[in-house]
Amino acid sequence: MKQILMIEVSPRGKDSASRAVADTLAARLTALHSSAKLVRRDLAAEHLPHLDEITLPAISTKNPAEAERLKDAARQSDKLTDELLESDLLVIATPMWNFGIPSALKAWIDLVVRPGRTFQYSDGGVLGLAKGKKAILVLASGGVFTEGPWRSWDFVEPYIRQILGFIGIVDVQTVRAEGMNIPLLAANAVRKANNAVLELAL
């Protein structure tokens, strides 16, 4: 393994459950793959731009002349996409907000899910170009979404798995810190998630 890319999203710093579990995972990955480069990208600090009328054509055009004219607008997307494609393992550590992902993570996804770079259309449909990579999701939520009445309200894990599969990443494991807003569960949520990290196949 040459490179590990860890995407962290929560703006809560040391109070973030997803970041706490990501730290545990980073320590284990570093111990197991000491020669691998660990890239930790903090989306809460970077404030990536959302797609606009300039960035969208810059990262999707098939016209070489237009691509050259808009290359400055595509520069950040190029960097993030290269970073993803150069990584063997992708870690996404994110909280659930209003049953979905934070907009900062959606901005990153929109900048790296690119035709001709991470996927391409073919006669048989869509071909993911980021194959051969693995991913680990570190998800934190106020409620419990792996079982019970709120399970169908989880639009985080299904969406991330779907979009990663779209670009060819299908080997995905998940660790959850659940019940962060439920007093009886919150006290042990991070500890249980950290224990789950130790059980991951790495």
N, C-alpha and C. Protein backbone atom coordinates (compact mmCIF):
# COMPACT_ATOMS: atom_id res chain seq x y z
N MET A 1 0.84 -1.19 0.00
CA MET A 1 0.00 0.00 0.00
C MET A 1 0.89 1.25 0.00
N LYS A 2 0.67 2.12 -0.99
CA LYS A 2 1.54 3.30 -1.13
C LYS A 2 0.93 4.56 -0.51
N GLN A 3 -0.40 4.71 -0.64
CA GLN A 3 -1.01 5.94 -0.12
C GLN A 3 -2.40 5.67 0.44
N ILE A 4 -2.69 6.32 1.56
CA ILE A 4 -4.01 6.26 2.20
C ILE A 4 -4.56 7.68 2.23
N LEU A 5 -5.76 7.86 1.73
CA LEU A 5 -6.42 9.16 1.74
C LEU A 5 -7.54 9.14 2.76
N MET A 6 -7.45 10.04 3.74
CA MET A 6 -8.47 10.12 4.79
C MET A 6 -9.20 11.47 4.67
N ILE A 7 -10.47 11.40 4.40
CA ILE A 7 -11.31 12.59 4.28
C ILE A 7 -12.06 12.78 5.60
N GLU A 8 -11.85 13.91 6.25
CA GLU A 8 -12.52 14.20 7.52
C GLU A 8 -13.41 15.42 7.34
N VAL A 9 -14.61 15.35 7.91
CA VAL A 9 -15.63 16.34 7.56
C VAL A 9 -16.12 17.16 8.75
N SER A 10 -16.18 16.59 9.92
CA SER A 10 -16.80 17.26 11.06
C SER A 10 -16.09 18.56 11.44
N PRO A 11 -16.84 19.63 11.72
CA PRO A 11 -16.24 20.88 12.19
C PRO A 11 -16.08 20.93 13.71
N ARG A 12 -16.35 19.84 14.41
CA ARG A 12 -16.39 19.86 15.87
C ARG A 12 -15.05 19.57 16.54
N GLY A 13 -14.00 19.39 15.76
CA GLY A 13 -12.67 19.22 16.32
C GLY A 13 -12.56 18.06 17.28
N LYS A 14 -11.99 18.32 18.47
CA LYS A 14 -11.76 17.26 19.46
C LYS A 14 -13.06 16.70 20.02
N ASP A 15 -14.18 17.39 19.80
CA ASP A 15 -15.47 16.90 20.28
C ASP A 15 -16.17 16.01 19.25
N SER A 16 -15.53 15.77 18.14
CA SER A 16 -16.13 15.00 17.05
C SER A 16 -15.91 13.50 17.26
N ALA A 17 -17.00 12.75 17.23
CA ALA A 17 -16.89 11.29 17.34
C ALA A 17 -16.25 10.70 16.10
N SER A 18 -16.61 11.18 14.92
CA SER A 18 -16.03 10.62 13.70
C SER A 18 -14.53 10.87 13.63
N ARG A 19 -14.08 12.02 14.10
CA ARG A 19 -12.65 12.31 14.11
C ARG A 19 -11.91 11.46 15.15
N ALA A 20 -12.53 11.24 16.30
CA ALA A 20 -11.90 10.41 17.32
C ALA A 20 -11.68 9.00 16.81
N VAL A 21 -12.69 8.45 16.14
CA VAL A 21 -12.56 7.09 15.59
C VAL A 21 -11.58 7.09 14.42
N ALA A 22 -11.58 8.15 13.63
CA ALA A 22 -10.63 8.26 12.52
C ALA A 22 -9.19 8.27 13.03
N ASP A 23 -8.97 8.91 14.17
CA ASP A 23 -7.63 8.92 14.77
C ASP A 23 -7.19 7.51 15.13
N THR A 24 -8.12 6.73 15.71
CA THR A 24 -7.81 5.34 16.05
C THR A 24 -7.47 4.54 14.80
N LEU A 25 -8.26 4.74 13.76
CA LEU A 25 -8.03 4.04 12.50
C LEU A 25 -6.70 4.47 11.88
N ALA A 26 -6.40 5.77 11.92
CA ALA A 26 -5.14 6.26 11.36
C ALA A 26 -3.95 5.62 12.07
N ALA A 27 -4.05 5.50 13.39
CA ALA A 27 -2.95 4.89 14.16
C ALA A 27 -2.76 3.44 13.76
N ARG A 28 -3.86 2.71 13.57
CA ARG A 28 -3.74 1.30 13.19
C ARG A 28 -3.19 1.16 11.77
N LEU A 29 -3.68 2.00 10.87
CA LEU A 29 -3.19 1.93 9.49
C LEU A 29 -1.70 2.27 9.42
N THR A 30 -1.29 3.27 10.18
CA THR A 30 0.12 3.66 10.18
C THR A 30 1.00 2.54 10.72
N ALA A 31 0.50 1.86 11.75
CA ALA A 31 1.27 0.74 12.31
C ALA A 31 1.37 -0.42 11.34
N LEU A 32 0.29 -0.69 10.62
CA LEU A 32 0.26 -1.82 9.69
C LEU A 32 0.97 -1.52 8.38
N HIS A 33 0.90 -0.28 7.95
CA HIS A 33 1.47 0.12 6.65
C HIS A 33 2.40 1.30 6.86
N SER A 34 3.50 1.06 7.51
CA SER A 34 4.41 2.13 7.92
C SER A 34 5.03 2.87 6.74
N SER A 35 5.11 2.22 5.59
CA SER A 35 5.72 2.86 4.43
C SER A 35 4.72 3.66 3.59
N ALA A 36 3.44 3.54 3.92
CA ALA A 36 2.40 4.23 3.15
C ALA A 36 2.31 5.70 3.56
N LYS A 37 2.06 6.55 2.61
CA LYS A 37 1.83 7.97 2.87
C LYS A 37 0.38 8.16 3.32
N LEU A 38 0.17 8.80 4.45
CA LEU A 38 -1.18 9.07 4.94
C LEU A 38 -1.51 10.53 4.68
N VAL A 39 -2.50 10.75 3.83
CA VAL A 39 -2.95 12.10 3.51
C VAL A 39 -4.27 12.34 4.23
N ARG A 40 -4.29 13.31 5.13
CA ARG A 40 -5.52 13.63 5.87
C ARG A 40 -6.03 14.98 5.37
N ARG A 41 -7.17 14.93 4.71
CA ARG A 41 -7.76 16.15 4.14
C ARG A 41 -8.96 16.57 4.99
N ASP A 42 -8.87 17.75 5.56
CA ASP A 42 -9.88 18.27 6.47
C ASP A 42 -10.83 19.20 5.71
N LEU A 43 -12.00 18.69 5.37
CA LEU A 43 -12.95 19.49 4.58
C LEU A 43 -13.57 20.61 5.39
N ALA A 44 -13.60 20.47 6.72
CA ALA A 44 -14.15 21.55 7.55
C ALA A 44 -13.23 22.77 7.52
N ALA A 45 -11.96 22.55 7.34
CA ALA A 45 -10.99 23.65 7.31
C ALA A 45 -10.79 24.22 5.90
N GLU A 46 -11.01 23.39 4.88
CA GLU A 46 -10.67 23.81 3.52
C GLU A 46 -11.77 24.58 2.81
N HIS A 47 -13.01 24.32 3.15
CA HIS A 47 -14.14 25.02 2.51
C HIS A 47 -14.09 24.91 0.98
N LEU A 48 -14.19 23.69 0.50
CA LEU A 48 -14.17 23.47 -0.94
C LEU A 48 -15.35 24.16 -1.61
N PRO A 49 -15.16 24.67 -2.82
CA PRO A 49 -16.27 25.32 -3.52
C PRO A 49 -17.28 24.31 -4.04
N HIS A 50 -18.52 24.71 -4.08
CA HIS A 50 -19.53 23.89 -4.73
C HIS A 50 -19.46 24.16 -6.24
N LEU A 51 -19.99 23.25 -7.01
CA LEU A 51 -19.97 23.43 -8.46
C LEU A 51 -20.76 24.67 -8.85
N ASP A 52 -20.21 25.43 -9.78
CA ASP A 52 -20.89 26.61 -10.26
C ASP A 52 -20.82 26.65 -11.79
N GLU A 53 -21.21 27.76 -12.37
CA GLU A 53 -21.31 27.84 -13.83
C GLU A 53 -19.95 27.81 -14.52
N ILE A 54 -18.87 28.01 -13.75
CA ILE A 54 -17.53 27.94 -14.32
C ILE A 54 -16.89 26.59 -14.06
N THR A 55 -16.98 26.13 -12.80
CA THR A 55 -16.32 24.87 -12.44
C THR A 55 -16.95 23.67 -13.14
N LEU A 56 -18.26 23.65 -13.25
CA LEU A 56 -18.95 22.51 -13.85
C LEU A 56 -18.48 22.23 -15.27
N PRO A 57 -18.49 23.21 -16.18
CA PRO A 57 -17.97 22.90 -17.53
C PRO A 57 -16.47 22.63 -17.53
N ALA A 58 -15.73 23.22 -16.59
CA ALA A 58 -14.28 23.03 -16.55
C ALA A 58 -13.91 21.57 -16.28
N ILE A 59 -14.71 20.88 -15.47
CA ILE A 59 -14.35 19.50 -15.12
C ILE A 59 -15.12 18.46 -15.94
N SER A 60 -15.99 18.92 -16.83
CA SER A 60 -16.78 17.96 -17.59
C SER A 60 -16.65 18.10 -19.11
N THR A 61 -16.02 19.16 -19.57
CA THR A 61 -15.94 19.36 -21.01
C THR A 61 -15.09 18.30 -21.70
N LYS A 62 -15.47 17.96 -22.92
CA LYS A 62 -14.70 17.05 -23.76
C LYS A 62 -13.96 17.81 -24.86
N ASN A 63 -14.13 19.12 -24.87
CA ASN A 63 -13.52 19.97 -25.89
C ASN A 63 -12.13 20.42 -25.40
N PRO A 64 -11.06 20.01 -26.06
CA PRO A 64 -9.70 20.36 -25.60
C PRO A 64 -9.47 21.86 -25.50
N ALA A 65 -10.02 22.62 -26.43
CA ALA A 65 -9.82 24.07 -26.40
C ALA A 65 -10.51 24.68 -25.19
N GLU A 66 -11.71 24.21 -24.92
CA GLU A 66 -12.44 24.72 -23.75
C GLU A 66 -11.76 24.29 -22.46
N ALA A 67 -11.26 23.06 -22.44
CA ALA A 67 -10.55 22.57 -21.26
C ALA A 67 -9.32 23.43 -20.97
N GLU A 68 -8.61 23.82 -22.03
CA GLU A 68 -7.44 24.68 -21.85
C GLU A 68 -7.85 26.06 -21.34
N ARG A 69 -8.93 26.58 -21.86
CA ARG A 69 -9.40 27.91 -21.44
C ARG A 69 -9.85 27.92 -19.98
N LEU A 70 -10.40 26.78 -19.51
CA LEU A 70 -10.95 26.70 -18.16
C LEU A 70 -10.04 25.95 -17.18
N LYS A 71 -8.78 25.75 -17.57
CA LYS A 71 -7.91 24.89 -16.75
C LYS A 71 -7.71 25.42 -15.33
N ASP A 72 -7.71 26.73 -15.17
CA ASP A 72 -7.54 27.28 -13.82
C ASP A 72 -8.72 26.93 -12.93
N ALA A 73 -9.92 26.92 -13.51
CA ALA A 73 -11.12 26.58 -12.74
C ALA A 73 -11.13 25.11 -12.36
N ALA A 74 -10.44 24.28 -13.13
CA ALA A 74 -10.41 22.84 -12.87
C ALA A 74 -9.24 22.43 -11.99
N ARG A 75 -8.38 23.36 -11.64
CA ARG A 75 -7.13 23.02 -10.96
C ARG A 75 -7.36 22.30 -9.63
N GLN A 76 -8.26 22.80 -8.81
CA GLN A 76 -8.49 22.17 -7.51
C GLN A 76 -9.12 20.79 -7.67
N SER A 77 -10.06 20.66 -8.59
CA SER A 77 -10.66 19.36 -8.86
C SER A 77 -9.61 18.38 -9.37
N ASP A 78 -8.71 18.85 -10.23
CA ASP A 78 -7.63 17.99 -10.73
C ASP A 78 -6.78 17.46 -9.58
N LYS A 79 -6.43 18.35 -8.65
CA LYS A 79 -5.59 17.96 -7.51
C LYS A 79 -6.29 16.92 -6.64
N LEU A 80 -7.56 17.15 -6.34
CA LEU A 80 -8.30 16.22 -5.49
C LEU A 80 -8.51 14.88 -6.18
N THR A 81 -8.77 14.92 -7.48
CA THR A 81 -8.99 13.69 -8.23
C THR A 81 -7.71 12.88 -8.34
N ASP A 82 -6.60 13.56 -8.61
CA ASP A 82 -5.30 12.87 -8.64
C ASP A 82 -5.01 12.21 -7.31
N GLU A 83 -5.30 12.93 -6.23
CA GLU A 83 -5.06 12.43 -4.87
C GLU A 83 -5.85 11.15 -4.62
N LEU A 84 -7.08 11.13 -5.06
CA LEU A 84 -7.92 9.94 -4.91
C LEU A 84 -7.38 8.79 -5.76
N LEU A 85 -7.07 9.05 -7.01
CA LEU A 85 -6.61 7.99 -7.91
C LEU A 85 -5.26 7.43 -7.51
N GLU A 86 -4.45 8.23 -6.84
CA GLU A 86 -3.13 7.76 -6.40
C GLU A 86 -3.19 6.97 -5.10
N SER A 87 -4.37 6.92 -4.46
CA SER A 87 -4.50 6.26 -3.17
C SER A 87 -5.00 4.83 -3.33
N ASP A 88 -4.51 3.96 -2.48
CA ASP A 88 -4.95 2.57 -2.47
C ASP A 88 -6.15 2.36 -1.55
N LEU A 89 -6.24 3.21 -0.52
CA LEU A 89 -7.31 3.11 0.46
C LEU A 89 -7.89 4.50 0.70
N LEU A 90 -9.21 4.59 0.67
CA LEU A 90 -9.92 5.83 0.95
C LEU A 90 -10.69 5.67 2.25
N VAL A 91 -10.50 6.60 3.17
CA VAL A 91 -11.27 6.63 4.41
C VAL A 91 -12.12 7.90 4.41
N ILE A 92 -13.41 7.75 4.62
CA ILE A 92 -14.29 8.90 4.74
C ILE A 92 -14.87 8.89 6.15
N ALA A 93 -14.52 9.91 6.93
CA ALA A 93 -15.02 10.04 8.31
C ALA A 93 -15.96 11.23 8.35
N THR A 94 -17.24 10.95 8.58
CA THR A 94 -18.23 12.02 8.50
C THR A 94 -19.36 11.83 9.49
N PRO A 95 -19.91 12.93 9.97
CA PRO A 95 -21.14 12.83 10.75
C PRO A 95 -22.35 12.74 9.82
N MET A 96 -23.46 12.33 10.37
CA MET A 96 -24.74 12.41 9.67
C MET A 96 -25.41 13.72 10.09
N TRP A 97 -25.81 14.50 9.11
CA TRP A 97 -26.55 15.73 9.38
C TRP A 97 -27.91 15.63 8.70
N ASN A 98 -28.96 15.72 9.48
CA ASN A 98 -30.32 15.69 8.93
C ASN A 98 -30.51 14.49 8.01
N PHE A 99 -29.98 13.34 8.45
CA PHE A 99 -30.13 12.04 7.79
C PHE A 99 -29.30 11.90 6.52
N GLY A 100 -28.46 12.89 6.22
CA GLY A 100 -27.62 12.82 5.03
C GLY A 100 -26.21 13.28 5.32
N ILE A 101 -25.43 13.51 4.26
CA ILE A 101 -24.04 13.93 4.43
C ILE A 101 -23.95 15.46 4.48
N PRO A 102 -22.94 16.00 5.16
CA PRO A 102 -22.70 17.45 5.14
C PRO A 102 -22.38 17.93 3.72
N SER A 103 -22.71 19.18 3.46
CA SER A 103 -22.48 19.73 2.11
C SER A 103 -21.00 19.77 1.76
N ALA A 104 -20.12 19.85 2.77
CA ALA A 104 -18.68 19.86 2.49
C ALA A 104 -18.25 18.54 1.84
N LEU A 105 -18.81 17.43 2.30
CA LEU A 105 -18.48 16.14 1.70
C LEU A 105 -19.09 16.03 0.30
N LYS A 106 -20.28 16.55 0.13
CA LYS A 106 -20.90 16.54 -1.20
C LYS A 106 -20.06 17.36 -2.18
N ALA A 107 -19.50 18.48 -1.70
CA ALA A 107 -18.65 19.29 -2.58
C ALA A 107 -17.43 18.50 -3.03
N TRP A 108 -16.81 17.76 -2.08
CA TRP A 108 -15.65 16.93 -2.45
C TRP A 108 -16.05 15.86 -3.47
N ILE A 109 -17.17 15.20 -3.22
CA ILE A 109 -17.65 14.17 -4.14
C ILE A 109 -17.87 14.75 -5.53
N ASP A 110 -18.50 15.92 -5.60
CA ASP A 110 -18.78 16.53 -6.90
C ASP A 110 -17.51 16.91 -7.65
N LEU A 111 -16.44 17.16 -6.90
CA LEU A 111 -15.18 17.55 -7.55
C LEU A 111 -14.34 16.35 -7.99
N VAL A 112 -14.61 15.16 -7.44
CA VAL A 112 -13.80 13.99 -7.82
C VAL A 112 -14.56 12.96 -8.65
N VAL A 113 -15.87 13.04 -8.70
CA VAL A 113 -16.64 12.13 -9.56
C VAL A 113 -16.74 12.80 -10.93
N ARG A 114 -15.78 12.46 -11.79
CA ARG A 114 -15.61 13.20 -13.04
C ARG A 114 -15.58 12.27 -14.25
N PRO A 115 -16.35 12.60 -15.28
CA PRO A 115 -16.30 11.80 -16.50
C PRO A 115 -14.92 11.86 -17.13
N GLY A 116 -14.42 10.69 -17.51
CA GLY A 116 -13.11 10.62 -18.12
C GLY A 116 -11.97 10.50 -17.13
N ARG A 117 -12.25 10.72 -15.84
CA ARG A 117 -11.21 10.62 -14.81
C ARG A 117 -11.53 9.48 -13.85
N THR A 118 -12.70 9.52 -13.23
CA THR A 118 -13.06 8.47 -12.27
C THR A 118 -14.20 7.60 -12.77
N PHE A 119 -14.82 7.97 -13.87
CA PHE A 119 -15.80 7.10 -14.51
C PHE A 119 -15.91 7.48 -15.98
N GLN A 120 -16.45 6.56 -16.76
CA GLN A 120 -16.72 6.88 -18.16
C GLN A 120 -17.94 6.12 -18.63
N TYR A 121 -18.63 6.72 -19.56
CA TYR A 121 -19.80 6.07 -20.15
C TYR A 121 -19.33 5.13 -21.27
N SER A 122 -20.00 3.99 -21.37
CA SER A 122 -19.68 3.02 -22.41
C SER A 122 -20.97 2.45 -22.95
N ASP A 123 -20.85 1.58 -23.95
CA ASP A 123 -22.05 0.98 -24.54
C ASP A 123 -22.82 0.16 -23.51
N GLY A 124 -22.09 -0.38 -22.53
CA GLY A 124 -22.74 -1.19 -21.50
C GLY A 124 -23.22 -0.41 -20.30
N GLY A 125 -23.06 0.91 -20.35
CA GLY A 125 -23.49 1.75 -19.23
C GLY A 125 -22.34 2.60 -18.73
N VAL A 126 -22.07 2.51 -17.43
CA VAL A 126 -21.03 3.32 -16.82
C VAL A 126 -19.90 2.41 -16.34
N LEU A 127 -18.66 2.83 -16.58
CA LEU A 127 -17.49 2.08 -16.15
C LEU A 127 -16.72 2.91 -15.12
N GLY A 128 -16.57 2.37 -13.91
CA GLY A 128 -15.79 3.05 -12.89
C GLY A 128 -14.31 2.94 -13.20
N LEU A 129 -13.57 4.03 -13.04
CA LEU A 129 -12.16 4.06 -13.37
C LEU A 129 -11.26 4.06 -12.13
N ALA A 130 -11.88 3.96 -10.95
CA ALA A 130 -11.10 3.95 -9.70
C ALA A 130 -11.10 2.54 -9.10
N LYS A 131 -11.09 1.54 -9.95
CA LYS A 131 -11.15 0.15 -9.48
C LYS A 131 -9.88 -0.25 -8.75
N GLY A 132 -10.00 -1.32 -7.95
CA GLY A 132 -8.85 -1.86 -7.26
C GLY A 132 -8.54 -1.18 -5.94
N LYS A 133 -9.35 -0.22 -5.55
CA LYS A 133 -9.15 0.48 -4.29
C LYS A 133 -10.11 -0.04 -3.23
N LYS A 134 -9.77 0.22 -1.98
CA LYS A 134 -10.65 -0.13 -0.88
C LYS A 134 -11.10 1.16 -0.19
N ALA A 135 -12.19 1.05 0.56
CA ALA A 135 -12.68 2.21 1.29
C ALA A 135 -13.19 1.79 2.67
N ILE A 136 -13.06 2.68 3.61
CA ILE A 136 -13.61 2.50 4.95
C ILE A 136 -14.42 3.74 5.29
N LEU A 137 -15.65 3.55 5.72
CA LEU A 137 -16.51 4.65 6.14
C LEU A 137 -16.54 4.69 7.66
N VAL A 138 -16.27 5.85 8.23
CA VAL A 138 -16.38 6.07 9.67
C VAL A 138 -17.53 7.05 9.85
N LEU A 139 -18.65 6.55 10.34
CA LEU A 139 -19.88 7.34 10.39
C LEU A 139 -20.31 7.59 11.83
N ALA A 140 -20.66 8.82 12.13
CA ALA A 140 -21.15 9.17 13.46
C ALA A 140 -22.57 9.73 13.32
N SER A 141 -23.42 9.33 14.23
CA SER A 141 -24.82 9.80 14.17
C SER A 141 -25.40 9.96 15.57
N GLY A 142 -26.33 10.88 15.68
CA GLY A 142 -27.00 11.10 16.95
C GLY A 142 -27.91 9.97 17.35
N GLY A 143 -28.52 9.32 16.35
CA GLY A 143 -29.42 8.20 16.60
C GLY A 143 -28.80 6.88 16.16
N VAL A 144 -29.61 5.85 16.22
CA VAL A 144 -29.19 4.51 15.80
C VAL A 144 -29.86 4.20 14.46
N PHE A 145 -29.04 3.88 13.46
CA PHE A 145 -29.58 3.69 12.12
C PHE A 145 -29.24 2.33 11.52
N THR A 146 -28.56 1.49 12.27
CA THR A 146 -28.26 0.15 11.75
C THR A 146 -29.40 -0.82 12.00
N GLU A 147 -30.32 -0.44 12.89
CA GLU A 147 -31.47 -1.28 13.21
C GLU A 147 -32.56 -0.40 13.80
N GLY A 148 -33.73 -0.97 13.96
CA GLY A 148 -34.81 -0.24 14.59
C GLY A 148 -35.58 0.67 13.66
N PRO A 149 -36.45 1.53 14.21
CA PRO A 149 -37.38 2.32 13.41
C PRO A 149 -36.74 3.39 12.53
N TRP A 150 -35.48 3.78 12.83
CA TRP A 150 -34.84 4.85 12.06
C TRP A 150 -33.94 4.31 10.94
N ARG A 151 -33.91 3.01 10.79
CA ARG A 151 -32.99 2.44 9.80
C ARG A 151 -33.23 2.98 8.39
N SER A 152 -34.48 3.13 8.02
CA SER A 152 -34.79 3.59 6.66
C SER A 152 -34.49 5.08 6.46
N TRP A 153 -34.16 5.78 7.53
CA TRP A 153 -33.84 7.20 7.44
C TRP A 153 -32.35 7.44 7.17
N ASP A 154 -31.57 6.39 7.09
CA ASP A 154 -30.14 6.54 6.86
C ASP A 154 -29.88 6.72 5.36
N PHE A 155 -29.55 7.95 4.98
CA PHE A 155 -29.20 8.23 3.58
C PHE A 155 -27.71 8.50 3.43
N VAL A 156 -26.94 8.17 4.46
CA VAL A 156 -25.49 8.39 4.43
C VAL A 156 -24.77 7.19 3.85
N GLU A 157 -24.81 6.05 4.56
CA GLU A 157 -24.08 4.89 4.08
C GLU A 157 -24.55 4.41 2.71
N PRO A 158 -25.87 4.30 2.46
CA PRO A 158 -26.28 3.85 1.13
C PRO A 158 -25.80 4.77 0.02
N TYR A 159 -25.86 6.08 0.25
CA TYR A 159 -25.43 7.02 -0.78
C TYR A 159 -23.94 6.91 -1.04
N ILE A 160 -23.13 6.93 0.03
CA ILE A 160 -21.68 6.88 -0.16
C ILE A 160 -21.27 5.57 -0.84
N ARG A 161 -21.87 4.46 -0.41
CA ARG A 161 -21.56 3.18 -1.06
C ARG A 161 -21.94 3.22 -2.54
N GLN A 162 -23.08 3.81 -2.86
CA GLN A 162 -23.54 3.89 -4.24
C GLN A 162 -22.59 4.72 -5.09
N ILE A 163 -22.19 5.88 -4.58
CA ILE A 163 -21.34 6.76 -5.38
C ILE A 163 -19.94 6.19 -5.52
N LEU A 164 -19.44 5.51 -4.47
CA LEU A 164 -18.13 4.86 -4.59
C LEU A 164 -18.19 3.71 -5.59
N GLY A 165 -19.27 2.95 -5.55
CA GLY A 165 -19.45 1.87 -6.53
C GLY A 165 -19.51 2.41 -7.95
N PHE A 166 -20.11 3.57 -8.10
CA PHE A 166 -20.23 4.21 -9.41
C PHE A 166 -18.86 4.47 -10.03
N ILE A 167 -17.87 4.82 -9.18
CA ILE A 167 -16.53 5.09 -9.72
C ILE A 167 -15.61 3.87 -9.59
N GLY A 168 -16.18 2.73 -9.17
CA GLY A 168 -15.43 1.48 -9.21
C GLY A 168 -14.92 0.97 -7.87
N ILE A 169 -15.23 1.66 -6.77
CA ILE A 169 -14.77 1.23 -5.45
C ILE A 169 -15.88 0.46 -4.77
N VAL A 170 -15.75 -0.86 -4.73
CA VAL A 170 -16.82 -1.70 -4.21
C VAL A 170 -16.44 -2.45 -2.94
N ASP A 171 -15.16 -2.45 -2.59
CA ASP A 171 -14.69 -3.09 -1.36
C ASP A 171 -14.77 -2.04 -0.25
N VAL A 172 -15.90 -2.01 0.46
CA VAL A 172 -16.18 -0.94 1.43
C VAL A 172 -16.55 -1.55 2.78
N GLN A 173 -15.88 -1.10 3.82
CA GLN A 173 -16.22 -1.49 5.20
C GLN A 173 -16.72 -0.26 5.95
N THR A 174 -17.55 -0.49 6.96
CA THR A 174 -18.14 0.62 7.71
C THR A 174 -17.96 0.42 9.20
N VAL A 175 -17.62 1.51 9.87
CA VAL A 175 -17.57 1.57 11.33
C VAL A 175 -18.48 2.72 11.76
N ARG A 176 -19.28 2.48 12.79
CA ARG A 176 -20.24 3.51 13.22
C ARG A 176 -20.10 3.84 14.70
N ALA A 177 -20.19 5.13 14.98
CA ALA A 177 -20.37 5.62 16.35
C ALA A 177 -21.81 6.11 16.42
N GLU A 178 -22.69 5.27 16.93
CA GLU A 178 -24.13 5.56 16.90
C GLU A 178 -24.65 5.99 18.26
N GLY A 179 -25.75 6.74 18.22
CA GLY A 179 -26.43 7.11 19.46
C GLY A 179 -25.75 8.22 20.22
N MET A 180 -25.05 9.11 19.52
CA MET A 180 -24.33 10.19 20.19
C MET A 180 -25.25 11.17 20.90
N ASN A 181 -26.53 11.20 20.54
CA ASN A 181 -27.50 12.07 21.22
C ASN A 181 -28.39 11.30 22.18
N ILE A 182 -28.06 10.05 22.43
CA ILE A 182 -28.84 9.21 23.35
C ILE A 182 -27.95 8.92 24.56
N PRO A 183 -28.26 9.54 25.71
CA PRO A 183 -27.34 9.45 26.87
C PRO A 183 -26.89 8.04 27.22
N LEU A 184 -27.77 7.05 27.17
CA LEU A 184 -27.39 5.69 27.55
C LEU A 184 -26.42 5.06 26.56
N LEU A 185 -26.41 5.57 25.34
CA LEU A 185 -25.53 5.01 24.31
C LEU A 185 -24.29 5.86 24.06
N ALA A 186 -24.42 7.17 24.25
CA ALA A 186 -23.34 8.08 23.89
C ALA A 186 -22.04 7.80 24.63
N ALA A 187 -22.14 7.42 25.90
CA ALA A 187 -20.94 7.23 26.72
C ALA A 187 -20.02 6.15 26.17
N ASN A 188 -20.60 5.16 25.49
CA ASN A 188 -19.80 4.04 25.00
C ASN A 188 -19.70 3.99 23.47
N ALA A 189 -20.31 4.96 22.78
CA ALA A 189 -20.38 4.88 21.32
C ALA A 189 -19.00 4.91 20.67
N VAL A 190 -18.15 5.83 21.10
CA VAL A 190 -16.82 5.94 20.49
C VAL A 190 -15.97 4.73 20.86
N ARG A 191 -16.07 4.28 22.11
CA ARG A 191 -15.30 3.10 22.53
C ARG A 191 -15.68 1.89 21.69
N LYS A 192 -16.98 1.68 21.47
CA LYS A 192 -17.42 0.55 20.65
C LYS A 192 -16.92 0.68 19.22
N ALA A 193 -16.96 1.90 18.70
CA ALA A 193 -16.48 2.11 17.33
C ALA A 193 -14.98 1.86 17.24
N ASN A 194 -14.24 2.32 18.24
CA ASN A 194 -12.79 2.08 18.25
C ASN A 194 -12.49 0.57 18.32
N ASN A 195 -13.28 -0.16 19.08
CA ASN A 195 -13.10 -1.62 19.12
C ASN A 195 -13.39 -2.24 17.76
N ALA A 196 -14.40 -1.69 17.04
CA ALA A 196 -14.74 -2.18 15.71
C ALA A 196 -13.60 -1.92 14.73
N VAL A 197 -12.89 -0.81 14.92
CA VAL A 197 -11.73 -0.50 14.08
C VAL A 197 -10.69 -1.60 14.18
N LEU A 198 -10.53 -2.14 15.37
CA LEU A 198 -9.53 -3.18 15.58
C LEU A 198 -9.92 -4.49 14.90
N GLU A 199 -11.20 -4.62 14.54
CA GLU A 199 -11.68 -5.83 13.88
C GLU A 199 -11.70 -5.72 12.36
N LEU A 200 -11.41 -4.54 11.84
CA LEU A 200 -11.44 -4.35 10.39
C LEU A 200 -10.37 -5.19 9.71
N ALA A 201 -10.72 -5.66 8.51
CA ALA A 201 -9.74 -6.39 7.70
C ALA A 201 -8.88 -5.38 6.95
N LEU A 202 -7.68 -5.18 7.42
CA LEU A 202 -6.78 -4.20 6.83
C LEU A 202 -5.52 -4.85 6.22
